[in-house]
Structures are given as C-alpha cells and as structure tokens.
Protein backbone atom coordinates (compact mmCIF):
# COMPACT_ATOMS: atom_id res chain seq x y z
CA MET A 1 4.64 6.67 13.53
CA PHE A 2 7.00 8.27 10.91
CA LYS A 3 9.31 5.40 11.52
CA THR A 4 6.92 2.70 10.36
CA ARG A 5 7.02 1.06 6.80
CA THR A 6 3.41 1.05 6.35
CA PHE A 7 3.13 4.60 7.00
CA TRP A 8 5.87 5.43 4.27
CA ALA A 9 4.41 2.93 1.93
CA ILE A 10 1.25 4.55 2.02
CA VAL A 11 2.64 8.19 1.81
CA LEU A 12 4.89 6.76 -1.42
CA SER A 13 1.98 5.25 -2.99
CA ILE A 14 -0.07 8.38 -2.76
CA MET A 15 2.69 10.40 -4.28
CA THR A 16 3.10 7.87 -6.95
CA SER A 17 -0.66 7.69 -7.85
CA VAL A 18 -0.57 11.89 -7.95
CA LEU A 19 2.52 11.90 -10.17
CA ILE A 20 1.08 9.21 -12.59
CA PHE A 21 -2.22 11.20 -12.61
CA GLU A 22 -0.36 14.56 -13.33
CA ALA A 23 1.80 12.67 -15.98
CA LYS A 24 -1.34 11.42 -17.86
CA LEU A 25 -2.57 15.06 -18.12
CA ASN A 26 0.65 16.64 -19.14
CA VAL A 27 2.70 14.49 -21.18
CA SER A 28 0.05 13.27 -23.60
CA GLY A 29 2.27 14.56 -26.74
CA ASN A 30 5.35 12.28 -25.89
CA SER A 31 4.86 8.77 -27.03
CA LEU A 32 7.53 7.36 -24.82
CA TRP A 33 6.05 8.83 -21.58
CA THR A 34 2.27 7.92 -22.70
CA ARG A 35 3.63 4.31 -22.90
CA VAL A 36 5.22 4.49 -19.60
CA THR A 37 1.93 5.79 -17.86
CA ASP A 38 -0.05 3.13 -19.59
CA VAL A 39 2.05 0.49 -18.36
CA LEU A 40 1.92 1.92 -14.75
CA VAL A 41 -1.87 1.95 -14.81
CA ALA A 42 -2.19 -1.34 -16.49
CA PRO A 43 -3.10 -3.61 -13.35
CA GLY A 44 -6.12 -1.44 -12.53
CA ALA A 45 -7.28 -1.53 -16.09
CA ARG A 46 -6.98 -5.23 -16.23
CA LEU A 47 -8.89 -5.73 -13.27
CA VAL A 48 -11.57 -3.74 -14.63
CA ASN A 49 -11.73 -5.54 -17.79
CA ALA A 50 -11.95 -8.96 -15.95
CA LEU A 51 -15.12 -7.39 -14.30
CA ASP A 52 -16.80 -7.13 -17.59
CA LEU A 53 -20.33 -6.83 -16.48
CA PRO A 54 -23.50 -6.44 -18.91
CA ALA A 55 -24.46 -3.07 -17.24
CA ALA A 56 -21.10 -1.61 -18.12
CA THR A 57 -22.36 1.09 -20.36
CA SER A 58 -24.25 3.03 -17.28
CA PRO A 59 -22.59 6.09 -15.99
CA LEU A 60 -22.82 4.76 -12.44
CA TRP A 61 -20.55 1.57 -13.69
CA VAL A 62 -18.03 3.87 -15.59
CA ARG A 63 -17.55 5.91 -12.32
CA LEU A 64 -17.20 2.85 -10.04
CA SER A 65 -14.81 1.18 -12.70
CA VAL A 66 -12.61 4.18 -12.37
CA GLY A 67 -12.58 3.87 -8.67
CA ILE A 68 -11.69 0.31 -8.86
CA ALA A 69 -9.03 0.71 -11.07
CA LEU A 70 -7.39 3.43 -8.91
CA THR A 71 -7.95 1.52 -5.85
CA CYS A 72 -6.23 -1.38 -7.47
CA ASN A 73 -3.22 0.65 -8.77
CA PHE A 74 -2.97 2.30 -5.14
CA VAL A 75 -2.56 -1.12 -3.39
CA ILE A 76 -0.34 -2.45 -5.89
CA TYR A 77 1.95 0.80 -5.60
CA ALA A 78 1.68 0.34 -1.75
CA PHE A 79 2.88 -3.28 -1.80
CA PHE A 80 5.78 -2.42 -4.04
CA TRP A 81 6.92 0.57 -1.75
CA TYR A 82 6.56 -1.54 1.20
CA ALA A 83 8.75 -4.29 -0.29
CA CYS A 84 11.23 -1.78 -1.49
CA ILE A 85 11.32 -0.28 2.08
CA TRP A 86 11.78 -3.70 3.76
CA THR A 87 14.47 -4.76 1.31
CA THR A 88 16.52 -1.64 1.91
CA GLY A 89 16.16 -1.91 5.70
CA TYR A 90 17.23 -5.48 5.44
CA LEU A 91 20.19 -4.74 3.49
CA ARG A 92 21.28 -1.94 5.65
CA ALA A 93 21.05 -4.35 8.66
CA ARG A 94 23.12 -6.91 7.11
CA ARG A 95 25.64 -4.42 6.18
CA HIS A 96 27.17 -4.43 9.55
CA PRO A 97 26.20 -7.82 11.12
CA TYR A 98 28.69 -7.64 13.96
CA ASP A 99 27.75 -4.14 15.13
CA ARG A 100 24.52 -5.74 16.72
CA GLN A 101 24.53 -7.09 20.16
CA PRO A 102 25.24 -11.02 20.49
CA THR A 103 22.53 -13.08 21.16
CA LEU A 104 24.08 -15.89 22.73
CA LEU A 105 25.26 -15.81 26.15
CA SER A 106 29.18 -16.54 26.76
CA HIS A 107 30.76 -16.93 30.12
C-alpha cells in the first residue's frame, strides 16, 4: 500500500492543502507569499466563478462554493503529485536500462 503512486499522491495533496491553508492564515502580511498562495488556490476559485448561480448570496451556497473550491484544488494537487511521482519513477528506471532482465530469449 505504501508503494503505490496513488497513495503517495493523495498524502502529498493533503499535505499541500494543509500547508496552503496554514500559509493563508499566517503569512497575510507579506505580499509575495500572499500572491503565491493566491496563485495556488486559483483553479478552485475559477471553477466557483464559472458556476455563478443566481442563489450565490445564500449562506448555503457560500459553504458549498468553498467546498467545491477545496475539492477542485485537492484533485489538481493529487494529479500534480501523481505526475511528479510517475515521472521520477520513470526517470529512475531509465537511468540504468541494462540492469533489467532481457526481454528477448537468446540461445
């Protein structure tokens, strides 16, 4: 279980989401880090803006839109980390291509 890419992508995306949440709370005074956190949460915000509904002022919609934004960002982080882990595994396997067993039978 701990060797699967999907597991580690989910763990890393949870950690990324928590770190971004903490950064939004703790580095609000620094303009550079505020800009960085705004860029990292932009995909979820864009999705919520695209779902502009007439009942967007109700408190229920506000809570739902926050949940949609967090879910969208989590999925994007999971895909990002999965791609990073897959790329790293592929490049490590390609580093020593002759260490693997031959696939052709030779007599």
